[in-house]
Amino acid sequence: MAEPQITLLTKPGCHLCDDARSALHDVLAEAEFADAVLPVDEKNILDDAELAAEYAEEIPVVLIDGRVHTIWRVEPERLRTALRAAVL
């Protein structure tokens, strides 16, 4: 199975984005995902007018394979479940 593409949509000064980044990286650092190659592509929505228009009021957003996984807060167990389904 191909490794999922993970994208974190953020903007500067967003404390929820900082929390989401930490939660995402904490889950990815767990032993069960050690053998998977799971890079995170972080995008600042202010650098992309289309992303800014679509997600201005919803960041942070975690996308898995281009689909919205979560908005505002990353729930670690929900993220683990999605990643397990995608990589294990």
N, C-alpha and C. Protein backbone atom coordinates (compact mmCIF):
# COMPACT_ATOMS: atom_id res chain seq x y z
N MET A 1 0.85 -1.18 0.00
CA MET A 1 0.00 0.00 0.00
C MET A 1 0.89 1.24 0.00
N ALA A 2 0.55 2.24 -0.76
CA ALA A 2 1.32 3.48 -0.82
C ALA A 2 1.18 4.26 0.48
N GLU A 3 2.24 4.95 0.82
CA GLU A 3 2.20 5.77 2.03
C GLU A 3 1.27 6.95 1.80
N PRO A 4 0.48 7.32 2.81
CA PRO A 4 -0.45 8.44 2.64
C PRO A 4 0.30 9.77 2.59
N GLN A 5 -0.29 10.70 1.89
CA GLN A 5 0.25 12.05 1.85
C GLN A 5 -0.45 12.86 2.93
N ILE A 6 0.33 13.42 3.85
CA ILE A 6 -0.22 14.18 4.96
C ILE A 6 0.13 15.64 4.76
N THR A 7 -0.88 16.50 4.84
CA THR A 7 -0.68 17.94 4.69
C THR A 7 -1.28 18.64 5.90
N LEU A 8 -0.53 19.58 6.44
CA LEU A 8 -1.01 20.41 7.54
C LEU A 8 -1.13 21.83 7.03
N LEU A 9 -2.35 22.35 7.03
CA LEU A 9 -2.60 23.72 6.60
C LEU A 9 -2.59 24.63 7.82
N THR A 10 -1.78 25.68 7.76
CA THR A 10 -1.58 26.57 8.90
C THR A 10 -1.52 28.01 8.44
N LYS A 11 -1.33 28.90 9.41
CA LYS A 11 -0.95 30.28 9.11
C LYS A 11 -0.16 30.80 10.31
N PRO A 12 0.67 31.79 10.10
CA PRO A 12 1.51 32.32 11.18
C PRO A 12 0.66 32.87 12.33
N GLY A 13 1.18 32.67 13.55
CA GLY A 13 0.53 33.22 14.72
C GLY A 13 -0.67 32.43 15.20
N CYS A 14 -0.89 31.27 14.66
CA CYS A 14 -2.05 30.45 15.00
C CYS A 14 -1.65 29.45 16.09
N HIS A 15 -2.13 29.68 17.33
CA HIS A 15 -1.76 28.77 18.42
C HIS A 15 -2.36 27.38 18.24
N LEU A 16 -3.53 27.29 17.63
CA LEU A 16 -4.10 25.97 17.35
C LEU A 16 -3.25 25.21 16.34
N CYS A 17 -2.63 25.93 15.42
CA CYS A 17 -1.74 25.31 14.44
C CYS A 17 -0.52 24.72 15.15
N ASP A 18 0.01 25.45 16.13
CA ASP A 18 1.14 24.94 16.91
C ASP A 18 0.74 23.65 17.64
N ASP A 19 -0.45 23.65 18.23
CA ASP A 19 -0.93 22.46 18.94
C ASP A 19 -1.12 21.29 17.98
N ALA A 20 -1.70 21.56 16.82
CA ALA A 20 -1.94 20.51 15.82
C ALA A 20 -0.62 19.94 15.31
N ARG A 21 0.34 20.81 15.06
CA ARG A 21 1.67 20.37 14.58
C ARG A 21 2.30 19.43 15.61
N SER A 22 2.25 19.82 16.87
CA SER A 22 2.83 18.98 17.94
C SER A 22 2.12 17.64 18.04
N ALA A 23 0.79 17.65 18.04
CA ALA A 23 0.03 16.40 18.14
C ALA A 23 0.30 15.49 16.95
N LEU A 24 0.36 16.07 15.77
CA LEU A 24 0.61 15.29 14.55
C LEU A 24 1.99 14.65 14.60
N HIS A 25 3.00 15.43 14.95
CA HIS A 25 4.36 14.89 14.99
C HIS A 25 4.53 13.89 16.14
N ASP A 26 3.83 14.10 17.25
CA ASP A 26 3.90 13.13 18.35
C ASP A 26 3.36 11.77 17.90
N VAL A 27 2.24 11.77 17.21
CA VAL A 27 1.67 10.50 16.74
C VAL A 27 2.60 9.85 15.71
N LEU A 28 3.12 10.64 14.80
CA LEU A 28 4.00 10.08 13.77
C LEU A 28 5.30 9.52 14.34
N ALA A 29 5.70 9.99 15.51
CA ALA A 29 6.92 9.53 16.15
C ALA A 29 6.72 8.23 16.94
N GLU A 30 5.50 7.79 17.07
CA GLU A 30 5.22 6.57 17.84
C GLU A 30 5.79 5.34 17.14
N ALA A 31 6.14 4.34 17.95
CA ALA A 31 6.80 3.14 17.46
C ALA A 31 6.04 2.44 16.34
N GLU A 32 4.73 2.41 16.41
CA GLU A 32 3.99 1.65 15.39
C GLU A 32 4.10 2.26 14.00
N PHE A 33 4.51 3.52 13.91
CA PHE A 33 4.66 4.16 12.60
C PHE A 33 6.13 4.32 12.21
N ALA A 34 7.03 3.73 12.98
CA ALA A 34 8.47 3.90 12.76
C ALA A 34 8.93 3.42 11.38
N ASP A 35 8.31 2.36 10.86
CA ASP A 35 8.74 1.82 9.57
C ASP A 35 8.08 2.51 8.38
N ALA A 36 7.11 3.34 8.64
CA ALA A 36 6.40 4.04 7.57
C ALA A 36 7.12 5.37 7.26
N VAL A 37 7.10 5.74 6.02
CA VAL A 37 7.64 7.03 5.61
C VAL A 37 6.44 7.97 5.52
N LEU A 38 6.33 8.84 6.53
CA LEU A 38 5.15 9.70 6.64
C LEU A 38 5.54 11.16 6.81
N PRO A 39 6.09 11.76 5.77
CA PRO A 39 6.43 13.18 5.88
C PRO A 39 5.17 14.04 5.90
N VAL A 40 5.29 15.18 6.53
CA VAL A 40 4.18 16.13 6.60
C VAL A 40 4.54 17.33 5.74
N ASP A 41 3.67 17.63 4.80
CA ASP A 41 3.83 18.82 3.95
C ASP A 41 3.03 19.93 4.61
N GLU A 42 3.73 20.88 5.22
CA GLU A 42 3.04 21.99 5.89
C GLU A 42 2.91 23.15 4.92
N LYS A 43 1.69 23.68 4.81
CA LYS A 43 1.43 24.78 3.90
C LYS A 43 0.81 25.95 4.65
N ASN A 44 1.36 27.12 4.42
CA ASN A 44 0.81 28.35 4.97
C ASN A 44 -0.29 28.81 4.02
N ILE A 45 -1.52 28.89 4.50
CA ILE A 45 -2.63 29.25 3.61
C ILE A 45 -2.50 30.67 3.08
N LEU A 46 -1.72 31.51 3.74
CA LEU A 46 -1.54 32.89 3.27
C LEU A 46 -0.69 32.96 2.00
N ASP A 47 0.00 31.86 1.68
CA ASP A 47 0.82 31.79 0.48
C ASP A 47 0.03 31.29 -0.73
N ASP A 48 -1.23 30.95 -0.53
CA ASP A 48 -2.04 30.36 -1.60
C ASP A 48 -3.47 30.91 -1.49
N ALA A 49 -3.85 31.78 -2.41
CA ALA A 49 -5.16 32.44 -2.35
C ALA A 49 -6.31 31.44 -2.33
N GLU A 50 -6.16 30.36 -3.06
CA GLU A 50 -7.22 29.34 -3.10
C GLU A 50 -7.39 28.66 -1.75
N LEU A 51 -6.28 28.28 -1.14
CA LEU A 51 -6.35 27.67 0.20
C LEU A 51 -6.87 28.66 1.23
N ALA A 52 -6.44 29.91 1.14
CA ALA A 52 -6.91 30.94 2.07
C ALA A 52 -8.41 31.13 1.96
N ALA A 53 -8.93 31.15 0.75
CA ALA A 53 -10.36 31.33 0.55
C ALA A 53 -11.15 30.15 1.09
N GLU A 54 -10.61 28.95 0.93
CA GLU A 54 -11.34 27.75 1.34
C GLU A 54 -11.25 27.47 2.84
N TYR A 55 -10.09 27.76 3.45
CA TYR A 55 -9.86 27.33 4.82
C TYR A 55 -9.60 28.46 5.82
N ALA A 56 -9.83 29.69 5.46
CA ALA A 56 -9.48 30.83 6.31
C ALA A 56 -10.01 30.72 7.73
N GLU A 57 -11.21 30.21 7.89
CA GLU A 57 -11.84 30.13 9.22
C GLU A 57 -11.74 28.75 9.84
N GLU A 58 -11.01 27.83 9.22
CA GLU A 58 -11.00 26.45 9.69
C GLU A 58 -9.64 25.92 10.09
N ILE A 59 -8.61 26.72 10.01
CA ILE A 59 -7.29 26.18 10.28
C ILE A 59 -7.06 25.96 11.77
N PRO A 60 -6.21 25.07 12.12
CA PRO A 60 -5.44 24.20 11.25
C PRO A 60 -6.31 23.10 10.65
N VAL A 61 -5.86 22.60 9.53
CA VAL A 61 -6.53 21.50 8.85
C VAL A 61 -5.48 20.43 8.55
N VAL A 62 -5.82 19.19 8.84
CA VAL A 62 -4.98 18.07 8.46
C VAL A 62 -5.67 17.36 7.31
N LEU A 63 -4.94 17.23 6.20
CA LEU A 63 -5.43 16.49 5.04
C LEU A 63 -4.66 15.18 4.96
N ILE A 64 -5.36 14.11 4.68
CA ILE A 64 -4.72 12.83 4.39
C ILE A 64 -5.15 12.45 2.99
N ASP A 65 -4.16 12.34 2.12
CA ASP A 65 -4.40 12.06 0.70
C ASP A 65 -5.38 13.07 0.09
N GLY A 66 -5.21 14.33 0.47
CA GLY A 66 -6.00 15.41 -0.12
C GLY A 66 -7.40 15.57 0.44
N ARG A 67 -7.77 14.71 1.38
CA ARG A 67 -9.10 14.81 1.99
C ARG A 67 -8.98 15.33 3.42
N VAL A 68 -9.93 16.14 3.82
CA VAL A 68 -9.90 16.69 5.18
C VAL A 68 -10.05 15.55 6.18
N HIS A 69 -9.07 15.46 7.06
CA HIS A 69 -9.13 14.50 8.17
C HIS A 69 -9.67 15.19 9.41
N THR A 70 -9.16 16.37 9.70
CA THR A 70 -9.59 17.09 10.89
C THR A 70 -9.41 18.58 10.71
N ILE A 71 -10.23 19.31 11.44
CA ILE A 71 -10.19 20.77 11.45
C ILE A 71 -10.04 21.20 12.91
N TRP A 72 -9.25 22.21 13.14
CA TRP A 72 -9.01 22.86 14.42
C TRP A 72 -8.17 22.06 15.40
N ARG A 73 -8.58 20.87 15.80
CA ARG A 73 -7.83 20.12 16.81
C ARG A 73 -7.58 18.69 16.35
N VAL A 74 -6.35 18.26 16.51
CA VAL A 74 -5.98 16.90 16.16
C VAL A 74 -6.27 16.01 17.37
N GLU A 75 -7.11 15.02 17.15
CA GLU A 75 -7.39 14.03 18.19
C GLU A 75 -6.45 12.84 17.92
N PRO A 76 -5.47 12.62 18.79
CA PRO A 76 -4.46 11.59 18.51
C PRO A 76 -5.02 10.22 18.17
N GLU A 77 -6.00 9.74 18.91
CA GLU A 77 -6.50 8.39 18.63
C GLU A 77 -7.19 8.32 17.27
N ARG A 78 -7.92 9.34 16.91
CA ARG A 78 -8.57 9.38 15.58
C ARG A 78 -7.51 9.40 14.47
N LEU A 79 -6.44 10.16 14.68
CA LEU A 79 -5.35 10.22 13.71
C LEU A 79 -4.66 8.86 13.61
N ARG A 80 -4.38 8.23 14.74
CA ARG A 80 -3.77 6.89 14.72
C ARG A 80 -4.63 5.92 13.90
N THR A 81 -5.92 5.94 14.13
CA THR A 81 -6.82 5.05 13.42
C THR A 81 -6.75 5.28 11.92
N ALA A 82 -6.76 6.53 11.51
CA ALA A 82 -6.69 6.85 10.08
C ALA A 82 -5.35 6.41 9.49
N LEU A 83 -4.27 6.64 10.21
CA LEU A 83 -2.96 6.25 9.71
C LEU A 83 -2.80 4.73 9.66
N ARG A 84 -3.33 4.05 10.66
CA ARG A 84 -3.29 2.58 10.62
C ARG A 84 -3.97 2.05 9.39
N ALA A 85 -5.13 2.60 9.09
CA ALA A 85 -5.89 2.17 7.92
C ALA A 85 -5.12 2.45 6.63
N ALA A 86 -4.34 3.51 6.64
CA ALA A 86 -3.62 3.91 5.43
C ALA A 86 -2.30 3.18 5.23
N VAL A 87 -1.63 2.79 6.33
CA VAL A 87 -0.27 2.25 6.18
C VAL A 87 -0.05 0.85 6.70
N LEU A 88 -0.87 0.37 7.58
CA LEU A 88 -0.58 -0.94 8.18
C LEU A 88 -1.38 -2.05 7.54
